[in-house]
Amino acid sequence: MTRKRKYIIGILLIIIWFTFLLTDFCLAKANRSPVFAIPIVVYKDGGSTEYYGLGYKVIKYANLTVEKGIEVRKIDFGTWFVKFSPVIN
């Protein structure tokens, strides 16, 4: 493989990764579940879920209520080192 071809493949991989990251970030800001991250941990607190992507993590906090059913409270976006910390009311 030539040096130019390796360079082009590297740039394409970076663009694809950035597209995944940006898409899931925008969905998290809109309080929606990510598309490209995989659900790894589901908590028994009403459906809170940790999603892992390529170098990032999305945490969806949910509560189970009698009136509304499953209610998404907030969604956090960060690195793999972000800890699950539900808001206690």
PDB file of N, CA and C in Angstrom:
ATOM      1  N   MET A   1       0.841  -1.170   0.000  1.00  0.00           N
ATOM      2  CA  MET A   1       0.000   0.000   0.000  1.00  0.00           C
ATOM      3  C   MET A   1       0.893   1.242   0.000  1.00  0.00           C
ATOM      4  N   THR A   2       0.507   2.178  -0.791  1.00  0.00           N
ATOM      5  CA  THR A   2       1.308   3.394  -0.867  1.00  0.00           C
ATOM      6  C   THR A   2       1.015   4.301   0.325  1.00  0.00           C
ATOM      7  N   ARG A   3       1.893   5.231   0.516  1.00  0.00           N
ATOM      8  CA  ARG A   3       1.756   6.173   1.622  1.00  0.00           C
ATOM      9  C   ARG A   3       0.506   7.034   1.441  1.00  0.00           C
ATOM     10  N   LYS A   4       0.221   7.421   0.213  1.00  0.00           N
ATOM     11  CA  LYS A   4      -0.942   8.263  -0.056  1.00  0.00           C
ATOM     12  C   LYS A   4      -2.235   7.515   0.254  1.00  0.00           C
ATOM     13  N   ARG A   5      -2.297   6.237  -0.101  1.00  0.00           N
ATOM     14  CA  ARG A   5      -3.497   5.438   0.156  1.00  0.00           C
ATOM     15  C   ARG A   5      -3.718   5.263   1.660  1.00  0.00           C
ATOM     16  N   LYS A   6      -2.649   5.027   2.424  1.00  0.00           N
ATOM     17  CA  LYS A   6      -2.764   4.909   3.880  1.00  0.00           C
ATOM     18  C   LYS A   6      -3.264   6.209   4.494  1.00  0.00           C
ATOM     19  N   TYR A   7      -2.777   7.318   3.972  1.00  0.00           N
ATOM     20  CA  TYR A   7      -3.190   8.635   4.455  1.00  0.00           C
ATOM     21  C   TYR A   7      -4.682   8.843   4.200  1.00  0.00           C
ATOM     22  N   ILE A   8      -5.161   8.500   3.011  1.00  0.00           N
ATOM     23  CA  ILE A   8      -6.567   8.679   2.658  1.00  0.00           C
ATOM     24  C   ILE A   8      -7.451   7.779   3.522  1.00  0.00           C
ATOM     25  N   ILE A   9      -7.042   6.522   3.735  1.00  0.00           N
ATOM     26  CA  ILE A   9      -7.813   5.612   4.585  1.00  0.00           C
ATOM     27  C   ILE A   9      -7.865   6.125   6.018  1.00  0.00           C
ATOM     28  N   GLY A  10      -6.765   6.646   6.531  1.00  0.00           N
ATOM     29  CA  GLY A  10      -6.739   7.227   7.875  1.00  0.00           C
ATOM     30  C   GLY A  10      -7.679   8.407   8.015  1.00  0.00           C
ATOM     31  N   ILE A  11      -7.667   9.285   7.033  1.00  0.00           N
ATOM     32  CA  ILE A  11      -8.559  10.453   7.061  1.00  0.00           C
ATOM     33  C   ILE A  11     -10.014  10.013   7.005  1.00  0.00           C
ATOM     34  N   LEU A  12     -10.326   9.019   6.166  1.00  0.00           N
ATOM     35  CA  LEU A  12     -11.701   8.521   6.082  1.00  0.00           C
ATOM     36  C   LEU A  12     -12.160   7.902   7.399  1.00  0.00           C
ATOM     37  N   LEU A  13     -11.285   7.153   8.066  1.00  0.00           N
ATOM     38  CA  LEU A  13     -11.642   6.571   9.362  1.00  0.00           C
ATOM     39  C   LEU A  13     -11.900   7.643  10.415  1.00  0.00           C
ATOM     40  N   ILE A  14     -11.113   8.693  10.402  1.00  0.00           N
ATOM     41  CA  ILE A  14     -11.314   9.800  11.341  1.00  0.00           C
ATOM     42  C   ILE A  14     -12.638  10.510  11.057  1.00  0.00           C
ATOM     43  N   ILE A  15     -12.965  10.705   9.792  1.00  0.00           N
ATOM     44  CA  ILE A  15     -14.232  11.353   9.427  1.00  0.00           C
ATOM     45  C   ILE A  15     -15.417  10.497   9.863  1.00  0.00           C
ATOM     46  N   ILE A  16     -15.331   9.174   9.655  1.00  0.00           N
ATOM     47  CA  ILE A  16     -16.411   8.270  10.071  1.00  0.00           C
ATOM     48  C   ILE A  16     -16.581   8.292  11.589  1.00  0.00           C
ATOM     49  N   TRP A  17     -15.449   8.233  12.330  1.00  0.00           N
ATOM     50  CA  TRP A  17     -15.518   8.282  13.789  1.00  0.00           C
ATOM     51  C   TRP A  17     -16.141   9.592  14.267  1.00  0.00           C
ATOM     52  N   PHE A  18     -15.725  10.701  13.664  1.00  0.00           N
ATOM     53  CA  PHE A  18     -16.260  12.000  14.065  1.00  0.00           C
ATOM     54  C   PHE A  18     -17.751  12.087  13.761  1.00  0.00           C
ATOM     55  N   THR A  19     -18.198  11.487  12.670  1.00  0.00           N
ATOM     56  CA  THR A  19     -19.622  11.469  12.329  1.00  0.00           C
ATOM     57  C   THR A  19     -20.411  10.689  13.384  1.00  0.00           C
ATOM     58  N   PHE A  20     -19.895   9.532  13.802  1.00  0.00           N
ATOM     59  CA  PHE A  20     -20.544   8.759  14.864  1.00  0.00           C
ATOM     60  C   PHE A  20     -20.647   9.582  16.139  1.00  0.00           C
ATOM     61  N   LEU A  21     -19.537  10.189  16.538  1.00  0.00           N
ATOM     62  CA  LEU A  21     -19.480  10.978  17.757  1.00  0.00           C
ATOM     63  C   LEU A  21     -20.448  12.158  17.706  1.00  0.00           C
ATOM     64  N   LEU A  22     -20.439  12.886  16.619  1.00  0.00           N
ATOM     65  CA  LEU A  22     -21.287  14.069  16.494  1.00  0.00           C
ATOM     66  C   LEU A  22     -22.768  13.699  16.456  1.00  0.00           C
ATOM     67  N   THR A  23     -23.109  12.623  15.769  1.00  0.00           N
ATOM     68  CA  THR A  23     -24.503  12.192  15.701  1.00  0.00           C
ATOM     69  C   THR A  23     -25.024  11.815  17.086  1.00  0.00           C
ATOM     70  N   ASP A  24     -24.276  11.002  17.813  1.00  0.00           N
ATOM     71  CA  ASP A  24     -24.719  10.599  19.148  1.00  0.00           C
ATOM     72  C   ASP A  24     -24.723  11.770  20.126  1.00  0.00           C
ATOM     73  N   PHE A  25     -23.804  12.717  19.964  1.00  0.00           N
ATOM     74  CA  PHE A  25     -23.793  13.910  20.820  1.00  0.00           C
ATOM     75  C   PHE A  25     -25.045  14.748  20.589  1.00  0.00           C
ATOM     76  N   CYS A  26     -25.411  14.955  19.328  1.00  0.00           N
ATOM     77  CA  CYS A  26     -26.607  15.742  19.015  1.00  0.00           C
ATOM     78  C   CYS A  26     -27.876  15.053  19.503  1.00  0.00           C
ATOM     79  N   LEU A  27     -27.927  13.734  19.402  1.00  0.00           N
ATOM     80  CA  LEU A  27     -29.082  12.999  19.912  1.00  0.00           C
ATOM     81  C   LEU A  27     -29.166  13.092  21.431  1.00  0.00           C
ATOM     82  N   ALA A  28     -28.024  13.064  22.114  1.00  0.00           N
ATOM     83  CA  ALA A  28     -28.022  13.204  23.571  1.00  0.00           C
ATOM     84  C   ALA A  28     -28.514  14.582  23.986  1.00  0.00           C
ATOM     85  N   LYS A  29     -28.108  15.605  23.267  1.00  0.00           N
ATOM     86  CA  LYS A  29     -28.565  16.959  23.585  1.00  0.00           C
ATOM     87  C   LYS A  29     -30.060  17.125  23.337  1.00  0.00           C
ATOM     88  N   ALA A  30     -30.614  16.333  22.408  1.00  0.00           N
ATOM     89  CA  ALA A  30     -32.050  16.364  22.120  1.00  0.00           C
ATOM     90  C   ALA A  30     -32.818  15.392  23.012  1.00  0.00           C
ATOM     91  N   ASN A  31     -32.133  14.798  24.012  1.00  0.00           N
ATOM     92  CA  ASN A  31     -32.730  13.877  24.977  1.00  0.00           C
ATOM     93  C   ASN A  31     -33.267  12.612  24.303  1.00  0.00           C
ATOM     94  N   ARG A  32     -32.500  12.084  23.335  1.00  0.00           N
ATOM     95  CA  ARG A  32     -32.856  10.859  22.624  1.00  0.00           C
ATOM     96  C   ARG A  32     -31.724   9.846  22.753  1.00  0.00           C
ATOM     97  N   SER A  33     -32.037   8.581  22.568  1.00  0.00           N
ATOM     98  CA  SER A  33     -31.038   7.513  22.674  1.00  0.00           C
ATOM     99  C   SER A  33     -30.060   7.564  21.509  1.00  0.00           C
ATOM    100  N   PRO A  34     -28.797   7.167  21.733  1.00  0.00           N
ATOM    101  CA  PRO A  34     -27.798   7.199  20.661  1.00  0.00           C
ATOM    102  C   PRO A  34     -28.052   6.110  19.611  1.00  0.00           C
ATOM    103  N   VAL A  35     -27.512   6.332  18.425  1.00  0.00           N
ATOM    104  CA  VAL A  35     -27.665   5.393  17.318  1.00  0.00           C
ATOM    105  C   VAL A  35     -26.449   4.485  17.197  1.00  0.00           C
ATOM    106  N   PHE A  36     -25.260   5.036  17.327  1.00  0.00           N
ATOM    107  CA  PHE A  36     -24.032   4.300  17.071  1.00  0.00           C
ATOM    108  C   PHE A  36     -23.386   3.699  18.315  1.00  0.00           C
ATOM    109  N   ALA A  37     -23.863   4.036  19.493  1.00  0.00           N
ATOM    110  CA  ALA A  37     -23.324   3.467  20.733  1.00  0.00           C
ATOM    111  C   ALA A  37     -24.148   2.232  21.107  1.00  0.00           C
ATOM    112  N   ILE A  38     -23.504   1.282  21.773  1.00  0.00           N
ATOM    113  CA  ILE A  38     -24.128   0.007  22.121  1.00  0.00           C
ATOM    114  C   ILE A  38     -24.538   0.017  23.589  1.00  0.00           C
ATOM    115  N   PRO A  39     -25.796  -0.379  23.901  1.00  0.00           N
ATOM    116  CA  PRO A  39     -26.200  -0.452  25.319  1.00  0.00           C
ATOM    117  C   PRO A  39     -25.483  -1.606  26.010  1.00  0.00           C
ATOM    118  N   ILE A  40     -24.743  -1.291  27.069  1.00  0.00           N
ATOM    119  CA  ILE A  40     -23.952  -2.293  27.776  1.00  0.00           C
ATOM    120  C   ILE A  40     -24.560  -2.615  29.135  1.00  0.00           C
ATOM    121  N   VAL A  41     -24.937  -1.581  29.898  1.00  0.00           N
ATOM    122  CA  VAL A  41     -25.463  -1.779  31.249  1.00  0.00           C
ATOM    123  C   VAL A  41     -26.861  -1.170  31.321  1.00  0.00           C
ATOM    124  N   VAL A  42     -27.825  -1.974  31.816  1.00  0.00           N
ATOM    125  CA  VAL A  42     -29.183  -1.482  32.060  1.00  0.00           C
ATOM    126  C   VAL A  42     -29.446  -1.628  33.550  1.00  0.00           C
ATOM    127  N   TYR A  43     -29.768  -0.511  34.199  1.00  0.00           N
ATOM    128  CA  TYR A  43     -30.011  -0.516  35.639  1.00  0.00           C
ATOM    129  C   TYR A  43     -31.484  -0.790  35.918  1.00  0.00           C
ATOM    130  N   LYS A  44     -31.763  -1.324  37.099  1.00  0.00           N
ATOM    131  CA  LYS A  44     -33.132  -1.669  37.490  1.00  0.00           C
ATOM    132  C   LYS A  44     -33.780  -0.550  38.287  1.00  0.00           C
ATOM    133  N   ASP A  45     -33.581   0.670  37.850  1.00  0.00           N
ATOM    134  CA  ASP A  45     -34.171   1.815  38.528  1.00  0.00           C
ATOM    135  C   ASP A  45     -35.279   2.444  37.681  1.00  0.00           C
ATOM    136  N   GLY A  46     -35.681   1.763  36.649  1.00  0.00           N
ATOM    137  CA  GLY A  46     -36.692   2.301  35.756  1.00  0.00           C
ATOM    138  C   GLY A  46     -36.225   2.291  34.316  1.00  0.00           C
ATOM    139  N   GLY A  47     -35.019   1.812  34.076  1.00  0.00           N
ATOM    140  CA  GLY A  47     -34.539   1.707  32.707  1.00  0.00           C
ATOM    141  C   GLY A  47     -33.342   2.562  32.365  1.00  0.00           C
ATOM    142  N   SER A  48     -32.623   3.069  33.356  1.00  0.00           N
ATOM    143  CA  SER A  48     -31.405   3.824  33.066  1.00  0.00           C
ATOM    144  C   SER A  48     -30.418   2.921  32.334  1.00  0.00           C
ATOM    145  N   THR A  49     -29.731   3.465  31.317  1.00  0.00           N
ATOM    146  CA  THR A  49     -28.878   2.661  30.459  1.00  0.00           C
ATOM    147  C   THR A  49     -27.564   3.371  30.194  1.00  0.00           C
ATOM    148  N   GLU A  50     -26.467   2.605  30.166  1.00  0.00           N
ATOM    149  CA  GLU A  50     -25.161   3.111  29.749  1.00  0.00           C
ATOM    150  C   GLU A  50     -24.861   2.571  28.361  1.00  0.00           C
ATOM    151  N   TYR A  51     -24.587   3.483  27.434  1.00  0.00           N
ATOM    152  CA  TYR A  51     -24.230   3.132  26.065  1.00  0.00           C
ATOM    153  C   TYR A  51     -22.749   3.445  25.866  1.00  0.00           C
ATOM    154  N   TYR A  52     -22.031   2.532  25.201  1.00  0.00           N
ATOM    155  CA  TYR A  52     -20.620   2.756  24.906  1.00  0.00           C
ATOM    156  C   TYR A  52     -20.420   2.893  23.402  1.00  0.00           C
ATOM    157  N   GLY A  53     -19.709   3.952  23.014  1.00  0.00           N
ATOM    158  CA  GLY A  53     -19.339   4.172  21.625  1.00  0.00           C
ATOM    159  C   GLY A  53     -17.832   4.087  21.475  1.00  0.00           C
ATOM    160  N   LEU A  54     -17.328   4.507  20.348  1.00  0.00           N
ATOM    161  CA  LEU A  54     -15.889   4.471  20.070  1.00  0.00           C
ATOM    162  C   LEU A  54     -15.195   5.639  20.763  1.00  0.00           C
ATOM    163  N   GLY A  55     -14.868   5.463  22.038  1.00  0.00           N
ATOM    164  CA  GLY A  55     -14.170   6.489  22.799  1.00  0.00           C
ATOM    165  C   GLY A  55     -15.077   7.409  23.586  1.00  0.00           C
ATOM    166  N   TYR A  56     -16.367   7.149  23.599  1.00  0.00           N
ATOM    167  CA  TYR A  56     -17.308   7.990  24.345  1.00  0.00           C
ATOM    168  C   TYR A  56     -18.377   7.120  24.987  1.00  0.00           C
ATOM    169  N   LYS A  57     -19.098   7.710  25.923  1.00  0.00           N
ATOM    170  CA  LYS A  57     -20.151   7.014  26.650  1.00  0.00           C
ATOM    171  C   LYS A  57     -21.363   7.927  26.751  1.00  0.00           C
ATOM    172  N   VAL A  58     -22.538   7.340  26.619  1.00  0.00           N
ATOM    173  CA  VAL A  58     -23.795   8.065  26.788  1.00  0.00           C
ATOM    174  C   VAL A  58     -24.554   7.368  27.908  1.00  0.00           C
ATOM    175  N   ILE A  59     -25.007   8.140  28.905  1.00  0.00           N
ATOM    176  CA  ILE A  59     -25.782   7.583  30.010  1.00  0.00           C
ATOM    177  C   ILE A  59     -27.174   8.205  29.957  1.00  0.00           C
ATOM    178  N   LYS A  60     -28.180   7.333  29.828  1.00  0.00           N
ATOM    179  CA  LYS A  60     -29.580   7.785  29.793  1.00  0.00           C
ATOM    180  C   LYS A  60     -30.203   7.452  31.142  1.00  0.00           C
ATOM    181  N   TYR A  61     -30.579   8.490  31.909  1.00  0.00           N
ATOM    182  CA  TYR A  61     -31.209   8.309  33.212  1.00  0.00           C
ATOM    183  C   TYR A  61     -32.722   8.278  33.016  1.00  0.00           C
ATOM    184  N   ALA A  62     -33.366   7.233  33.541  1.00  0.00           N
ATOM    185  CA  ALA A  62     -34.816   7.093  33.407  1.00  0.00           C
ATOM    186  C   ALA A  62     -35.419   6.731  34.757  1.00  0.00           C
ATOM    187  N   ASN A  63     -36.640   7.157  34.963  1.00  0.00           N
ATOM    188  CA  ASN A  63     -37.398   6.814  36.167  1.00  0.00           C
ATOM    189  C   ASN A  63     -38.687   6.132  35.752  1.00  0.00           C
ATOM    190  N   LEU A  64     -39.157   5.234  36.574  1.00  0.00           N
ATOM    191  CA  LEU A  64     -40.420   4.556  36.343  1.00  0.00           C
ATOM    192  C   LEU A  64     -41.451   5.190  37.259  1.00  0.00           C
ATOM    193  N   THR A  65     -42.469   5.808  36.667  1.00  0.00           N
ATOM    194  CA  THR A  65     -43.526   6.439  37.448  1.00  0.00           C
ATOM    195  C   THR A  65     -44.856   5.759  37.146  1.00  0.00           C
ATOM    196  N   VAL A  66     -45.779   5.873  38.079  1.00  0.00           N
ATOM    197  CA  VAL A  66     -47.091   5.260  37.907  1.00  0.00           C
ATOM    198  C   VAL A  66     -47.895   6.029  36.864  1.00  0.00           C
ATOM    199  N   GLU A  67     -47.797   7.344  36.891  1.00  0.00           N
ATOM    200  CA  GLU A  67     -48.607   8.172  36.003  1.00  0.00           C
ATOM    201  C   GLU A  67     -48.136   8.135  34.554  1.00  0.00           C
ATOM    202  N   LYS A  68     -46.832   8.253  34.337  1.00  0.00           N
ATOM    203  CA  LYS A  68     -46.291   8.417  32.988  1.00  0.00           C
ATOM    204  C   LYS A  68     -45.557   7.193  32.453  1.00  0.00           C
ATOM    205  N   GLY A  69     -45.312   6.202  33.273  1.00  0.00           N
ATOM    206  CA  GLY A  69     -44.515   5.051  32.843  1.00  0.00           C
ATOM    207  C   GLY A  69     -43.033   5.395  32.911  1.00  0.00           C
ATOM    208  N   ILE A  70     -42.274   4.966  31.904  1.00  0.00           N
ATOM    209  CA  ILE A  70     -40.840   5.270  31.877  1.00  0.00           C
ATOM    210  C   ILE A  70     -40.640   6.702  31.396  1.00  0.00           C
ATOM    211  N   GLU A  71     -39.957   7.479  32.204  1.00  0.00           N
ATOM    212  CA  GLU A  71     -39.723   8.890  31.907  1.00  0.00           C
ATOM    213  C   GLU A  71     -38.211   9.145  31.894  1.00  0.00           C
ATOM    214  N   VAL A  72     -37.690   9.618  30.745  1.00  0.00           N
ATOM    215  CA  VAL A  72     -36.268   9.938  30.627  1.00  0.00           C
ATOM    216  C   VAL A  72     -36.029  11.276  31.310  1.00  0.00           C
ATOM    217  N   ARG A  73     -35.165  11.275  32.319  1.00  0.00           N
ATOM    218  CA  ARG A  73     -34.899  12.499  33.071  1.00  0.00           C
ATOM    219  C   ARG A  73     -33.826  13.350  32.427  1.00  0.00           C
ATOM    220  N   LYS A  74     -32.708  12.712  32.047  1.00  0.00           N
ATOM    221  CA  LYS A  74     -31.627  13.437  31.386  1.00  0.00           C
ATOM    222  C   LYS A  74     -30.701  12.442  30.708  1.00  0.00           C
ATOM    223  N   ILE A  75     -29.857  12.952  29.812  1.00  0.00           N
ATOM    224  CA  ILE A  75     -28.877  12.126  29.122  1.00  0.00           C
ATOM    225  C   ILE A  75     -27.527  12.827  29.218  1.00  0.00           C
ATOM    226  N   ASP A  76     -26.520  12.093  29.719  1.00  0.00           N
ATOM    227  CA  ASP A  76     -25.154  12.615  29.821  1.00  0.00           C
ATOM    228  C   ASP A  76     -24.300  12.048  28.697  1.00  0.00           C
ATOM    229  N   PHE A  77     -23.357  12.864  28.227  1.00  0.00           N
ATOM    230  CA  PHE A  77     -22.428  12.462  27.174  1.00  0.00           C
ATOM    231  C   PHE A  77     -21.024  12.768  27.665  1.00  0.00           C
ATOM    232  N   GLY A  78     -20.114  11.828  27.513  1.00  0.00           N
ATOM    233  CA  GLY A  78     -18.739  12.062  27.951  1.00  0.00           C
ATOM    234  C   GLY A  78     -17.815  10.926  27.535  1.00  0.00           C
ATOM    235  N   THR A  79     -16.661  10.855  28.186  1.00  0.00           N
ATOM    236  CA  THR A  79     -15.690   9.804  27.886  1.00  0.00           C
ATOM    237  C   THR A  79     -16.111   8.508  28.575  1.00  0.00           C
ATOM    238  N   TRP A  80     -15.360   7.438  28.356  1.00  0.00           N
ATOM    239  CA  TRP A  80     -15.655   6.160  28.993  1.00  0.00           C
ATOM    240  C   TRP A  80     -15.538   6.230  30.505  1.00  0.00           C
ATOM    241  N   PHE A  81     -14.919   7.267  31.038  1.00  0.00           N
ATOM    242  CA  PHE A  81     -14.681   7.371  32.475  1.00  0.00           C
ATOM    243  C   PHE A  81     -15.791   8.100  33.220  1.00  0.00           C
ATOM    244  N   VAL A  82     -16.847   8.530  32.539  1.00  0.00           N
ATOM    245  CA  VAL A  82     -17.982   9.184  33.188  1.00  0.00           C
ATOM    246  C   VAL A  82     -18.692   8.148  34.056  1.00  0.00           C
ATOM    247  N   LYS A  83     -18.970   8.504  35.312  1.00  0.00           N
ATOM    248  CA  LYS A  83     -19.600   7.586  36.252  1.00  0.00           C
ATOM    249  C   LYS A  83     -21.119   7.749  36.231  1.00  0.00           C
ATOM    250  N   PHE A  84     -21.826   6.652  36.457  1.00  0.00           N
ATOM    251  CA  PHE A  84     -23.277   6.675  36.604  1.00  0.00           C
ATOM    252  C   PHE A  84     -23.617   7.309  37.940  1.00  0.00           C
ATOM    253  N   SER A  85     -24.352   8.417  37.908  1.00  0.00           N
ATOM    254  CA  SER A  85     -24.726   9.094  39.151  1.00  0.00           C
ATOM    255  C   SER A  85     -26.133   9.664  38.998  1.00  0.00           C
ATOM    256  N   PRO A  86     -27.132   8.871  39.370  1.00  0.00           N
ATOM    257  CA  PRO A  86     -28.516   9.340  39.239  1.00  0.00           C
ATOM    258  C   PRO A  86     -28.826  10.469  40.212  1.00  0.00           C
ATOM    259  N   VAL A  87     -29.729  11.331  39.798  1.00  0.00           N
ATOM    260  CA  VAL A  87     -30.167  12.443  40.626  1.00  0.00           C
ATOM    261  C   VAL A  87     -31.220  11.912  41.598  1.00  0.00           C
ATOM    262  N   ILE A  88     -31.024  12.143  42.876  1.00  0.00           N
ATOM    263  CA  ILE A  88     -31.958  11.663  43.890  1.00  0.00           C
ATOM    264  C   ILE A  88     -32.821  12.835  44.334  1.00  0.00           C
ATOM    265  N   ASN A  89     -34.129  12.672  44.147  1.00  0.00           N
ATOM    266  CA  ASN A  89     -35.086  13.736  44.541  1.00  0.00           C
ATOM    267  C   ASN A  89     -35.926  13.265  45.685  1.00  0.00           C
TER     268      ASN A  89
END
